N, C-alpha and C. Protein backbone atom coordinates (compact mmCIF):
# COMPACT_ATOMS: atom_id res chain seq x y z
N UNK A 1 93.04 210.58 122.79
CA UNK A 1 93.48 209.79 121.54
C UNK A 1 93.66 208.22 122.00
N UNK A 2 94.19 208.11 123.11
CA UNK A 2 94.34 206.52 123.54
C UNK A 2 92.99 206.09 123.80
N UNK A 3 92.17 206.78 124.31
CA UNK A 3 90.84 206.28 124.73
C UNK A 3 90.15 205.71 123.51
N UNK A 4 90.11 206.78 122.50
CA UNK A 4 89.42 206.34 121.15
C UNK A 4 90.27 205.25 120.48
N UNK A 5 91.49 205.10 120.59
CA UNK A 5 92.10 204.11 120.07
C UNK A 5 91.67 202.60 120.66
N UNK A 6 91.66 202.76 122.03
CA UNK A 6 91.31 201.50 122.87
C UNK A 6 89.92 201.28 122.51
N UNK A 7 88.91 202.14 122.17
CA UNK A 7 87.65 201.86 122.01
C UNK A 7 87.50 201.28 120.30
N UNK A 8 88.30 201.74 119.49
CA UNK A 8 88.33 201.03 118.17
C UNK A 8 88.76 199.71 118.39
N UNK A 9 89.85 199.42 119.05
CA UNK A 9 90.31 198.16 119.03
C UNK A 9 89.29 197.12 119.78
N UNK A 10 88.59 197.68 120.67
CA UNK A 10 87.44 196.81 121.47
C UNK A 10 86.53 196.65 120.49
N UNK A 11 86.10 197.62 119.63
CA UNK A 11 84.94 197.45 118.74
C UNK A 11 85.35 196.36 117.70
N UNK A 12 86.56 196.40 117.14
CA UNK A 12 87.03 195.35 116.26
C UNK A 12 87.19 193.94 116.99
N UNK A 13 87.27 193.85 118.14
CA UNK A 13 87.44 192.61 118.75
C UNK A 13 85.97 191.93 118.82
N UNK A 14 85.09 192.93 119.34
CA UNK A 14 83.73 192.58 119.39
C UNK A 14 83.09 192.03 118.13
N UNK A 15 83.50 192.77 116.97
CA UNK A 15 82.88 192.32 115.63
C UNK A 15 83.48 191.03 115.30
N UNK A 16 84.75 190.98 115.50
CA UNK A 16 85.30 189.48 115.21
C UNK A 16 84.74 188.34 116.05
N UNK A 17 84.49 188.67 117.24
CA UNK A 17 83.82 187.76 118.17
C UNK A 17 82.43 187.20 117.76
N UNK A 18 81.76 188.39 117.28
CA UNK A 18 80.28 188.17 116.90
C UNK A 18 80.39 187.11 115.44
N UNK A 19 81.12 187.50 114.55
CA UNK A 19 81.17 186.72 113.35
C UNK A 19 81.87 185.34 113.61
N UNK A 20 82.53 185.32 114.52
CA UNK A 20 83.17 183.86 114.85
C UNK A 20 81.88 183.04 115.57
N UNK A 21 81.11 183.71 116.48
CA UNK A 21 80.02 183.04 117.04
C UNK A 21 79.06 182.50 115.91
N UNK A 22 78.75 183.35 114.90
CA UNK A 22 77.95 182.97 113.79
C UNK A 22 78.47 181.81 113.09
N UNK A 23 79.58 181.84 112.73
CA UNK A 23 80.29 180.74 112.02
C UNK A 23 80.25 179.41 112.86
N UNK A 24 80.34 179.41 114.10
CA UNK A 24 80.28 178.15 115.05
C UNK A 24 78.94 177.70 115.17
N UNK A 25 78.11 178.58 115.32
CA UNK A 25 76.59 178.25 115.23
C UNK A 25 76.14 177.47 114.20
N UNK A 26 76.62 178.10 112.93
CA UNK A 26 76.17 177.51 111.52
C UNK A 26 76.86 176.16 111.52
N UNK A 27 77.98 175.97 112.04
CA UNK A 27 78.61 174.68 111.91
C UNK A 27 78.08 173.62 112.66
N UNK A 28 77.54 174.01 113.99
CA UNK A 28 76.92 173.17 114.84
C UNK A 28 75.69 172.69 114.11
N UNK A 29 74.91 173.70 113.75
CA UNK A 29 73.63 173.42 113.03
C UNK A 29 73.83 172.24 111.83
N UNK A 30 74.95 172.54 111.25
CA UNK A 30 75.21 171.60 110.02
C UNK A 30 75.53 170.18 110.57
N UNK A 31 76.31 170.09 111.60
CA UNK A 31 76.67 168.86 112.24
C UNK A 31 75.20 168.31 112.98
N UNK A 32 74.47 168.83 113.46
CA UNK A 32 73.25 168.52 114.00
C UNK A 32 72.38 167.84 112.96
N UNK A 33 72.21 168.53 111.85
CA UNK A 33 71.40 168.14 110.56
C UNK A 33 71.96 166.78 110.11
N UNK A 34 73.46 166.68 109.93
CA UNK A 34 73.98 165.48 109.39
C UNK A 34 73.83 164.35 110.43
N UNK A 35 73.62 164.61 111.72
CA UNK A 35 73.50 163.52 112.56
C UNK A 35 72.13 162.98 112.75
N UNK A 36 71.25 164.06 112.49
CA UNK A 36 69.81 163.63 112.69
C UNK A 36 69.22 162.93 111.55
N UNK A 37 69.81 163.18 110.32
CA UNK A 37 69.37 162.57 108.96
C UNK A 37 70.08 161.37 108.62
N UNK A 38 69.21 160.23 108.57
CA UNK A 38 69.74 158.95 108.58
C UNK A 38 69.25 158.36 107.22
N UNK A 39 70.01 157.91 106.21
CA UNK A 39 69.63 157.43 105.00
C UNK A 39 68.59 156.36 105.20
N UNK A 40 67.43 156.37 104.79
CA UNK A 40 66.44 155.29 104.98
C UNK A 40 66.57 154.06 104.35
N UNK A 41 67.78 153.44 104.84
CA UNK A 41 68.06 152.07 104.23
C UNK A 41 66.93 151.22 104.49
N UNK A 42 66.58 150.91 105.86
CA UNK A 42 65.52 150.11 106.17
C UNK A 42 64.35 150.12 105.51
N UNK A 43 63.86 151.55 105.34
CA UNK A 43 62.65 151.77 104.71
C UNK A 43 62.75 151.21 103.21
N UNK A 44 64.00 151.59 102.68
CA UNK A 44 64.04 151.13 101.19
C UNK A 44 64.00 149.62 100.99
N UNK A 45 64.82 149.00 101.82
CA UNK A 45 64.88 147.52 101.92
C UNK A 45 63.36 146.93 102.10
N UNK A 46 62.61 147.51 103.10
CA UNK A 46 61.17 146.87 103.29
C UNK A 46 60.34 147.21 102.21
N UNK A 47 60.45 148.39 101.64
CA UNK A 47 59.55 148.63 100.42
C UNK A 47 60.01 147.81 99.29
N UNK A 48 61.25 147.53 99.14
CA UNK A 48 61.81 146.79 97.98
C UNK A 48 61.40 145.36 98.19
N UNK A 49 61.25 144.71 99.27
CA UNK A 49 60.98 143.49 99.63
C UNK A 49 59.46 143.30 99.29
N UNK A 50 58.59 144.31 99.76
CA UNK A 50 57.04 144.30 99.40
C UNK A 50 56.82 144.42 97.88
N UNK A 51 57.63 145.37 97.31
CA UNK A 51 57.48 145.43 95.86
C UNK A 51 57.91 144.24 95.10
N UNK A 52 58.95 143.50 95.50
CA UNK A 52 59.33 142.34 94.98
C UNK A 52 58.28 141.12 95.05
N UNK A 53 57.73 141.16 96.36
CA UNK A 53 56.61 140.12 96.61
C UNK A 53 55.37 140.45 95.65
N UNK A 54 55.09 141.58 95.54
CA UNK A 54 53.95 142.02 94.63
C UNK A 54 54.14 141.57 93.32
N UNK A 55 55.57 142.00 92.83
CA UNK A 55 55.85 141.52 91.37
C UNK A 55 55.80 140.04 91.26
N UNK A 56 56.47 139.14 92.35
CA UNK A 56 56.23 137.83 92.24
C UNK A 56 54.91 137.37 92.02
N UNK A 57 53.97 137.69 92.91
CA UNK A 57 52.67 137.31 92.83
C UNK A 57 51.60 137.94 91.85
N UNK A 58 52.30 138.92 91.21
CA UNK A 58 51.53 139.35 89.94
C UNK A 58 50.96 138.46 88.84
N UNK A 59 51.92 137.58 88.46
CA UNK A 59 51.58 136.52 87.62
C UNK A 59 51.31 135.23 87.92
N UNK A 60 50.03 135.05 88.51
CA UNK A 60 49.52 133.83 89.05
C UNK A 60 49.80 132.84 88.41
N UNK A 61 49.36 132.76 87.02
CA UNK A 61 49.38 131.57 86.11
C UNK A 61 50.91 130.96 85.99
N UNK A 62 51.76 132.00 85.61
CA UNK A 62 53.03 131.53 85.47
C UNK A 62 53.71 130.74 86.91
N UNK A 63 53.52 131.54 88.01
CA UNK A 63 53.87 131.01 89.36
C UNK A 63 53.22 129.75 89.69
N UNK A 64 52.01 129.56 89.26
CA UNK A 64 51.22 128.35 89.58
C UNK A 64 51.82 127.21 88.83
N UNK A 65 52.22 127.42 87.39
CA UNK A 65 52.73 126.53 86.61
C UNK A 65 54.15 125.98 86.93
N UNK A 66 54.81 126.96 87.59
CA UNK A 66 56.21 126.66 88.16
C UNK A 66 56.29 125.92 89.42
N UNK A 67 55.18 126.31 90.25
CA UNK A 67 55.04 125.36 91.40
C UNK A 67 54.55 124.08 91.39
N UNK A 68 53.68 124.06 90.16
CA UNK A 68 53.25 122.55 89.77
C UNK A 68 54.48 121.69 89.26
N UNK A 69 55.36 122.43 88.54
CA UNK A 69 56.69 121.67 88.01
C UNK A 69 57.73 121.22 89.04
N UNK A 70 57.72 122.01 90.15
CA UNK A 70 58.69 121.59 91.18
C UNK A 70 58.19 120.80 92.47
N UNK A 71 56.86 120.93 92.52
CA UNK A 71 56.08 120.14 93.43
C UNK A 71 55.44 118.83 93.14
N UNK A 72 55.15 118.70 91.77
CA UNK A 72 54.28 117.52 91.39
C UNK A 72 52.77 117.78 91.87
N UNK A 73 52.40 118.90 92.35
CA UNK A 73 50.98 118.91 92.75
C UNK A 73 50.16 119.41 91.51
N UNK A 74 48.97 119.26 91.52
CA UNK A 74 47.99 119.59 90.48
C UNK A 74 48.09 121.25 90.15
N UNK A 75 47.74 121.59 89.09
CA UNK A 75 47.66 123.05 88.82
C UNK A 75 46.80 123.73 89.67
N UNK A 76 45.55 123.24 90.07
CA UNK A 76 44.65 123.90 90.86
C UNK A 76 45.20 123.93 92.36
N UNK A 77 46.01 122.91 92.92
CA UNK A 77 46.47 122.86 94.35
C UNK A 77 47.58 124.06 94.24
N UNK A 78 48.38 124.08 93.11
CA UNK A 78 49.56 124.98 93.01
C UNK A 78 49.01 126.40 93.08
N UNK A 79 47.90 126.58 92.15
CA UNK A 79 47.38 128.03 92.30
C UNK A 79 46.74 128.27 93.53
N UNK A 80 46.15 127.43 94.33
CA UNK A 80 45.66 127.46 95.68
C UNK A 80 46.85 127.96 96.65
N UNK A 81 47.96 127.58 96.48
CA UNK A 81 49.18 128.11 97.24
C UNK A 81 49.30 129.44 97.06
N UNK A 82 49.35 129.96 95.81
CA UNK A 82 49.63 131.27 95.30
C UNK A 82 48.55 132.16 95.78
N UNK A 83 47.28 131.82 95.73
CA UNK A 83 46.11 132.76 96.06
C UNK A 83 46.19 132.83 97.77
N UNK A 84 46.53 131.82 98.38
CA UNK A 84 46.56 131.98 99.89
C UNK A 84 47.74 132.90 100.34
N UNK A 85 48.82 132.63 99.65
CA UNK A 85 49.89 133.60 99.96
C UNK A 85 49.72 134.94 99.64
N UNK A 86 49.08 135.22 98.52
CA UNK A 86 48.66 136.59 98.12
C UNK A 86 47.82 137.16 99.15
N UNK A 87 46.81 136.30 99.55
CA UNK A 87 45.67 136.82 100.48
C UNK A 87 46.44 137.37 101.78
N UNK A 88 47.40 136.56 102.29
CA UNK A 88 48.21 136.72 103.37
C UNK A 88 49.35 137.53 103.51
N UNK A 89 49.66 137.98 102.19
CA UNK A 89 50.88 138.78 101.73
C UNK A 89 52.10 138.01 102.34
N UNK A 90 52.12 136.75 102.02
CA UNK A 90 53.31 135.84 102.35
C UNK A 90 54.01 135.30 101.15
N UNK A 91 55.32 135.30 101.31
CA UNK A 91 56.26 134.84 100.05
C UNK A 91 55.90 133.41 99.81
N UNK A 92 55.46 133.11 98.62
CA UNK A 92 54.96 131.69 98.33
C UNK A 92 56.36 130.77 98.37
N UNK A 93 57.57 131.39 98.08
CA UNK A 93 58.73 130.54 98.15
C UNK A 93 59.27 130.12 99.46
N UNK A 94 58.84 131.08 100.47
CA UNK A 94 59.03 130.58 101.80
C UNK A 94 58.10 129.43 102.22
N UNK A 95 56.91 129.41 101.74
CA UNK A 95 55.95 128.19 102.02
C UNK A 95 56.49 127.01 101.22
N UNK A 96 56.99 127.09 100.11
CA UNK A 96 57.60 125.94 99.28
C UNK A 96 58.93 125.38 99.98
N UNK A 97 59.59 126.37 100.55
CA UNK A 97 60.77 125.91 101.39
C UNK A 97 60.55 125.06 102.51
N UNK A 98 59.33 125.59 103.27
CA UNK A 98 59.11 124.89 104.46
C UNK A 98 58.43 123.49 104.08
N UNK A 99 57.62 123.30 103.19
CA UNK A 99 57.14 122.14 102.62
C UNK A 99 58.20 121.03 101.97
N UNK A 100 59.19 121.62 101.25
CA UNK A 100 60.30 120.84 100.94
C UNK A 100 60.93 120.15 102.02
N UNK A 101 61.39 121.20 103.20
CA UNK A 101 62.15 120.75 104.24
C UNK A 101 61.29 119.79 105.02
N UNK A 102 59.88 119.91 105.10
CA UNK A 102 59.31 119.05 106.02
C UNK A 102 58.95 117.65 105.34
N UNK A 103 58.37 117.57 104.21
CA UNK A 103 57.95 116.42 103.65
C UNK A 103 58.50 116.10 102.23
N UNK A 104 59.40 116.94 101.81
CA UNK A 104 59.56 116.79 100.28
C UNK A 104 58.56 116.77 99.37
N UNK A 105 57.57 117.55 99.63
CA UNK A 105 56.31 117.54 98.70
C UNK A 105 55.47 116.36 98.71
N UNK A 106 55.78 115.42 99.55
CA UNK A 106 54.95 114.21 99.90
C UNK A 106 53.83 114.33 100.74
N UNK A 107 52.44 114.30 100.12
CA UNK A 107 51.20 114.63 100.99
C UNK A 107 51.02 113.47 101.96
N UNK A 108 51.71 112.30 101.77
CA UNK A 108 51.38 111.30 102.60
C UNK A 108 52.62 110.93 103.66
N UNK A 109 53.49 112.02 103.73
CA UNK A 109 54.56 111.75 104.72
C UNK A 109 54.02 111.73 106.15
N UNK A 110 54.73 110.91 106.92
CA UNK A 110 54.25 110.76 108.40
C UNK A 110 55.63 110.66 109.28
N UNK A 111 55.61 111.57 110.24
CA UNK A 111 56.69 111.58 110.98
C UNK A 111 56.77 110.66 112.24
N UNK A 112 57.98 110.50 112.82
CA UNK A 112 58.04 109.51 113.87
C UNK A 112 57.25 109.97 115.18
N UNK A 113 57.01 111.26 115.34
CA UNK A 113 56.40 111.69 116.46
C UNK A 113 54.76 112.04 116.23
N UNK A 114 54.33 111.51 114.91
CA UNK A 114 53.01 111.79 114.56
C UNK A 114 52.76 112.86 113.58
N UNK A 115 53.77 113.45 113.27
CA UNK A 115 53.48 114.70 112.24
C UNK A 115 53.03 114.03 110.98
N UNK A 116 52.00 114.90 110.33
CA UNK A 116 51.39 114.40 109.02
C UNK A 116 51.17 115.25 107.99
N UNK A 117 51.36 114.85 106.62
CA UNK A 117 51.20 115.72 105.63
C UNK A 117 52.26 116.57 105.13
N UNK A 118 52.06 117.47 104.41
CA UNK A 118 52.85 118.42 103.49
C UNK A 118 53.68 119.11 104.51
N UNK A 119 52.83 119.57 105.49
CA UNK A 119 53.61 120.62 106.50
C UNK A 119 54.11 119.91 107.72
N UNK A 120 53.78 118.62 107.77
CA UNK A 120 54.32 117.74 108.95
C UNK A 120 53.68 118.39 110.22
N UNK A 121 52.25 118.39 110.10
CA UNK A 121 51.52 119.09 111.36
C UNK A 121 51.34 118.06 112.33
N UNK A 122 51.51 118.50 113.71
CA UNK A 122 51.07 117.88 114.87
C UNK A 122 49.93 118.19 115.28
N UNK A 123 49.13 117.23 115.86
CA UNK A 123 47.79 117.42 116.36
C UNK A 123 47.54 118.63 117.13
N UNK A 124 48.65 118.98 118.11
CA UNK A 124 48.41 120.04 118.92
C UNK A 124 48.60 121.40 118.22
N UNK A 125 48.95 121.42 116.99
CA UNK A 125 49.28 122.63 116.17
C UNK A 125 47.93 122.68 115.20
N UNK A 126 47.80 121.55 114.64
CA UNK A 126 46.76 121.46 113.51
C UNK A 126 45.32 121.45 113.89
N UNK A 127 44.85 121.11 115.23
CA UNK A 127 43.63 121.19 115.90
C UNK A 127 43.35 122.61 115.92
N UNK A 128 44.06 123.47 116.87
CA UNK A 128 43.63 124.73 116.97
C UNK A 128 43.61 125.77 115.84
N UNK A 129 44.67 125.44 114.66
CA UNK A 129 44.55 126.23 113.48
C UNK A 129 43.28 125.82 112.85
N UNK A 130 43.07 124.59 112.80
CA UNK A 130 41.67 124.15 111.92
C UNK A 130 40.54 124.84 112.60
N UNK A 131 40.36 124.85 113.85
CA UNK A 131 39.28 125.45 114.41
C UNK A 131 39.22 126.91 114.32
N UNK A 132 40.41 127.65 114.47
CA UNK A 132 40.27 128.99 114.15
C UNK A 132 39.87 129.28 112.80
N UNK A 133 40.14 128.47 111.79
CA UNK A 133 39.59 128.59 110.42
C UNK A 133 38.12 128.44 110.38
N UNK A 134 37.64 127.80 111.25
CA UNK A 134 36.24 127.24 111.26
C UNK A 134 36.18 125.89 110.43
N UNK A 135 37.23 125.19 110.60
CA UNK A 135 37.18 123.85 109.97
C UNK A 135 36.92 122.74 111.06
N UNK A 136 36.44 121.64 110.61
CA UNK A 136 36.43 120.44 111.53
C UNK A 136 37.71 119.89 111.48
N UNK A 137 38.33 119.60 112.63
CA UNK A 137 39.69 118.82 112.70
C UNK A 137 39.63 117.41 112.49
N UNK A 138 40.12 116.87 111.48
CA UNK A 138 40.23 115.55 111.24
C UNK A 138 41.70 115.25 110.98
N UNK A 139 42.17 114.33 111.65
CA UNK A 139 43.80 113.94 111.67
C UNK A 139 43.95 113.23 110.28
N UNK A 140 43.03 112.55 109.77
CA UNK A 140 43.19 111.89 108.58
C UNK A 140 43.12 112.87 107.27
N UNK A 141 42.57 113.94 107.59
CA UNK A 141 42.46 114.90 106.52
C UNK A 141 44.02 115.77 106.47
N UNK A 142 44.67 115.54 107.24
CA UNK A 142 45.93 116.21 107.18
C UNK A 142 46.78 115.57 106.02
N UNK A 143 46.35 114.43 105.37
CA UNK A 143 47.06 113.83 104.41
C UNK A 143 46.30 114.27 103.02
N UNK A 144 45.31 115.15 103.11
CA UNK A 144 44.81 115.88 101.88
C UNK A 144 45.55 117.16 101.61
N UNK A 145 45.91 117.16 100.47
CA UNK A 145 46.76 118.28 99.95
C UNK A 145 46.01 119.69 100.41
N UNK A 146 44.97 119.97 99.96
CA UNK A 146 44.42 121.24 100.12
C UNK A 146 44.20 121.54 101.53
N UNK A 147 43.69 120.51 102.35
CA UNK A 147 43.30 120.69 103.76
C UNK A 147 44.62 121.08 104.40
N UNK A 148 45.78 120.29 104.14
CA UNK A 148 47.07 120.47 104.89
C UNK A 148 47.68 121.87 104.31
N UNK A 149 47.47 122.13 103.16
CA UNK A 149 48.12 123.47 102.70
C UNK A 149 47.53 124.56 103.35
N UNK A 150 46.03 124.55 103.59
CA UNK A 150 45.43 125.71 104.19
C UNK A 150 45.94 125.79 105.66
N UNK A 151 46.03 124.77 106.47
CA UNK A 151 46.59 124.85 107.77
C UNK A 151 48.13 125.27 107.79
N UNK A 152 48.80 124.73 107.00
CA UNK A 152 50.44 125.02 107.08
C UNK A 152 50.35 126.48 106.69
N UNK A 153 50.09 126.94 105.72
CA UNK A 153 50.14 128.45 105.20
C UNK A 153 49.60 129.30 106.28
N UNK A 154 48.38 128.95 106.87
CA UNK A 154 47.72 129.78 108.05
C UNK A 154 48.83 129.88 109.34
N UNK A 155 49.26 128.71 109.44
CA UNK A 155 50.34 128.66 110.69
C UNK A 155 51.68 129.50 110.48
N UNK A 156 52.32 129.40 109.25
CA UNK A 156 53.34 130.04 108.82
C UNK A 156 53.01 131.75 108.86
N UNK A 157 51.69 131.96 108.40
CA UNK A 157 51.37 133.42 108.33
C UNK A 157 51.26 133.90 109.75
N UNK A 158 50.63 133.21 110.58
CA UNK A 158 50.46 133.58 112.03
C UNK A 158 51.62 133.84 112.73
N UNK A 159 52.59 132.83 112.54
CA UNK A 159 54.00 133.07 113.30
C UNK A 159 54.84 134.21 112.73
N UNK A 160 54.72 134.47 111.39
CA UNK A 160 55.34 135.55 110.91
C UNK A 160 54.82 136.78 111.27
N UNK A 161 53.53 136.96 111.53
CA UNK A 161 52.96 138.10 112.00
C UNK A 161 53.29 138.20 113.50
N UNK A 162 53.13 137.07 114.21
CA UNK A 162 53.34 137.11 115.86
C UNK A 162 54.65 137.65 116.11
N UNK A 163 55.68 137.39 115.36
CA UNK A 163 57.08 137.79 115.65
C UNK A 163 57.52 138.93 114.68
N UNK A 164 56.53 139.79 114.36
CA UNK A 164 56.86 141.15 113.62
C UNK A 164 57.76 140.95 112.30
N UNK A 165 57.54 139.74 111.70
CA UNK A 165 57.99 139.45 110.21
C UNK A 165 59.53 139.21 110.39
N UNK A 166 60.07 138.61 111.60
CA UNK A 166 61.18 138.20 111.81
C UNK A 166 61.10 136.61 111.17
N UNK A 167 61.67 136.40 110.11
CA UNK A 167 61.50 135.08 109.42
C UNK A 167 62.30 134.09 110.11
N UNK A 168 63.27 134.35 110.89
CA UNK A 168 64.04 133.17 111.48
C UNK A 168 63.20 132.75 112.86
N UNK A 169 62.60 133.82 113.56
CA UNK A 169 61.77 133.34 114.74
C UNK A 169 60.55 132.61 114.22
N UNK A 170 60.06 132.97 113.14
CA UNK A 170 58.74 132.29 112.55
C UNK A 170 59.02 131.01 112.24
N UNK A 171 60.03 130.80 111.34
CA UNK A 171 60.43 129.37 110.89
C UNK A 171 60.97 128.38 112.17
N UNK A 172 61.73 129.12 112.92
CA UNK A 172 62.20 128.20 114.12
C UNK A 172 61.10 127.84 114.97
N UNK A 173 60.18 128.69 115.23
CA UNK A 173 59.00 128.49 116.04
C UNK A 173 58.07 127.29 115.26
N UNK A 174 57.85 127.54 114.04
CA UNK A 174 57.34 126.43 113.22
C UNK A 174 57.79 125.25 113.58
N UNK A 175 59.16 125.00 113.54
CA UNK A 175 59.84 123.82 113.75
C UNK A 175 59.85 123.21 115.17
N UNK A 176 59.83 124.14 116.19
CA UNK A 176 60.09 123.73 117.62
C UNK A 176 58.88 124.08 118.44
N UNK A 177 57.95 124.90 117.74
CA UNK A 177 56.84 125.42 118.88
C UNK A 177 57.33 126.88 119.41
N UNK A 178 56.37 127.36 119.76
CA UNK A 178 56.78 128.78 120.54
C UNK A 178 57.48 128.67 121.52
N UNK A 179 57.32 127.73 122.62
CA UNK A 179 58.06 127.67 123.67
C UNK A 179 59.42 127.02 123.51
N UNK A 180 59.43 126.28 122.38
CA UNK A 180 60.77 125.49 121.89
C UNK A 180 61.62 126.72 121.33
N UNK A 181 61.03 127.67 120.67
CA UNK A 181 61.81 128.86 120.26
C UNK A 181 62.58 129.68 121.36
N UNK A 182 61.63 129.95 122.55
CA UNK A 182 62.16 130.74 123.72
C UNK A 182 63.32 129.83 124.16
N UNK A 183 63.11 128.52 124.40
CA UNK A 183 64.25 127.71 124.84
C UNK A 183 65.48 127.81 124.10
N UNK A 184 65.19 127.70 122.83
CA UNK A 184 66.41 127.64 121.77
C UNK A 184 67.13 128.92 121.74
N UNK A 185 66.46 130.11 121.85
CA UNK A 185 67.03 131.35 121.91
C UNK A 185 67.94 131.61 123.16
N UNK A 186 67.44 131.14 124.31
CA UNK A 186 68.16 131.20 125.74
C UNK A 186 69.39 130.43 125.45
N UNK A 187 69.51 129.34 124.91
CA UNK A 187 70.55 128.55 124.71
C UNK A 187 71.51 128.98 123.70
N UNK A 188 71.02 129.62 122.68
CA UNK A 188 71.83 129.99 121.43
C UNK A 188 72.54 131.46 121.70
N UNK A 189 73.37 131.53 122.66
CA UNK A 189 73.86 132.82 123.00
C UNK A 189 75.11 133.20 122.02
N UNK A 190 75.63 132.03 121.38
CA UNK A 190 76.74 132.37 120.52
C UNK A 190 76.36 133.18 119.23
N UNK A 191 75.08 133.17 119.02
CA UNK A 191 74.76 134.04 117.63
C UNK A 191 74.30 135.37 118.10
N UNK A 192 75.10 136.37 117.94
CA UNK A 192 74.92 137.70 118.35
C UNK A 192 73.97 138.53 117.44
N UNK A 193 73.87 138.05 116.22
CA UNK A 193 72.96 138.81 115.20
C UNK A 193 71.56 138.37 115.42
N UNK A 194 71.09 137.25 115.43
CA UNK A 194 69.79 136.90 115.82
C UNK A 194 69.80 135.62 116.46
N UNK A 195 69.52 135.40 117.72
CA UNK A 195 69.46 134.10 118.40
C UNK A 195 68.39 133.12 118.02
N UNK A 196 67.57 133.47 117.09
CA UNK A 196 66.54 132.81 116.47
C UNK A 196 66.93 132.00 115.35
N UNK A 197 68.19 132.36 114.76
CA UNK A 197 68.51 131.69 113.61
C UNK A 197 68.83 130.20 113.86
N UNK A 198 68.47 129.31 113.06
CA UNK A 198 68.65 127.95 113.42
C UNK A 198 68.87 127.25 112.03
N UNK A 199 69.39 126.00 112.22
CA UNK A 199 69.82 125.06 111.03
C UNK A 199 68.33 124.95 110.19
N UNK A 200 67.37 124.90 110.83
CA UNK A 200 66.04 124.69 110.09
C UNK A 200 65.71 125.86 109.45
N UNK A 201 65.76 127.07 109.99
CA UNK A 201 65.44 128.29 109.29
C UNK A 201 66.35 128.62 108.05
N UNK A 202 67.48 128.30 108.23
CA UNK A 202 68.64 128.50 107.21
C UNK A 202 68.27 127.50 105.94
N UNK A 203 67.90 126.18 106.38
CA UNK A 203 67.55 125.36 105.28
C UNK A 203 66.45 125.81 104.38
N UNK A 204 65.58 126.17 105.19
CA UNK A 204 64.18 126.75 104.53
C UNK A 204 64.50 127.86 103.67
N UNK A 205 65.22 128.74 104.15
CA UNK A 205 65.67 130.02 103.34
C UNK A 205 66.62 129.67 102.04
N UNK A 206 67.32 128.62 102.24
CA UNK A 206 68.06 128.13 101.08
C UNK A 206 67.22 127.67 100.01
N UNK A 207 66.26 126.69 100.34
CA UNK A 207 65.38 126.25 99.50
C UNK A 207 64.54 127.49 98.84
N UNK A 208 64.16 128.29 99.57
CA UNK A 208 63.28 129.37 99.04
C UNK A 208 64.05 130.24 98.10
N UNK A 209 65.34 130.52 98.42
CA UNK A 209 66.09 131.37 97.61
C UNK A 209 66.36 130.55 96.20
N UNK A 210 66.66 129.46 96.29
CA UNK A 210 66.89 128.55 95.22
C UNK A 210 65.63 128.61 94.17
N UNK A 211 64.45 128.41 94.77
CA UNK A 211 63.18 128.30 94.21
C UNK A 211 63.00 129.63 93.31
N UNK A 212 63.15 130.76 94.12
CA UNK A 212 62.87 132.19 93.76
C UNK A 212 63.85 132.45 92.43
N UNK A 213 65.24 132.18 92.55
CA UNK A 213 66.01 132.23 91.68
C UNK A 213 65.86 131.54 90.18
N UNK A 214 65.34 130.27 90.40
CA UNK A 214 65.07 129.22 89.21
C UNK A 214 63.71 130.02 88.83
N UNK A 215 62.73 130.50 89.45
CA UNK A 215 61.53 131.04 88.95
C UNK A 215 61.94 132.44 88.12
N UNK A 216 62.85 133.33 88.51
CA UNK A 216 63.27 134.48 87.74
C UNK A 216 63.87 134.22 86.56
N UNK A 217 64.58 133.04 86.59
CA UNK A 217 65.35 132.69 85.20
C UNK A 217 64.32 132.14 84.10
N UNK A 218 63.07 131.94 84.49
CA UNK A 218 62.26 131.24 83.61
C UNK A 218 61.46 132.31 82.73
């Protein structure tokens, strides 16, 4: 009798242990699933930005008229900006922000170090960009609206792609040059979020945001 009693108790203990192990295993699997699944916020943001860009570029006529209004360019030159940005999948408001910061939309602007035109391009930048585009480099043509726009947009697009769409790196490199960006980031250790952020990149983005908000209100 005692033996049967002990066997019964042992059987009950084994069964309880078995069910406890099942519960623990299921709980562990649940925790693993919750830890491995991450809400795709970055994907959503990325797709949202692309979607917004496509929406912005969808109405070329309206955007060209708005660009003409804020820049003083001809309609054809304004439309040229939109088409170039659309081809390169580049936000036109970023381009407008750069040109506003560089020359205040003055095609004849000239900097102290020899920068010329709307994008304030230096020869050491403008020459290789022009040659890569199959253009003949002519420093005087940097004062031509269409010629300068073509080179400026191409350079912004190149840097944006080079730095994996990090807009602060692209803009700071546009302003300082690629080696200048490296030097700046090495010195800018106080900014833990992105050492490429600069007064220049922030100013361009402020202009770009203002232009985009005004356009959305029209």
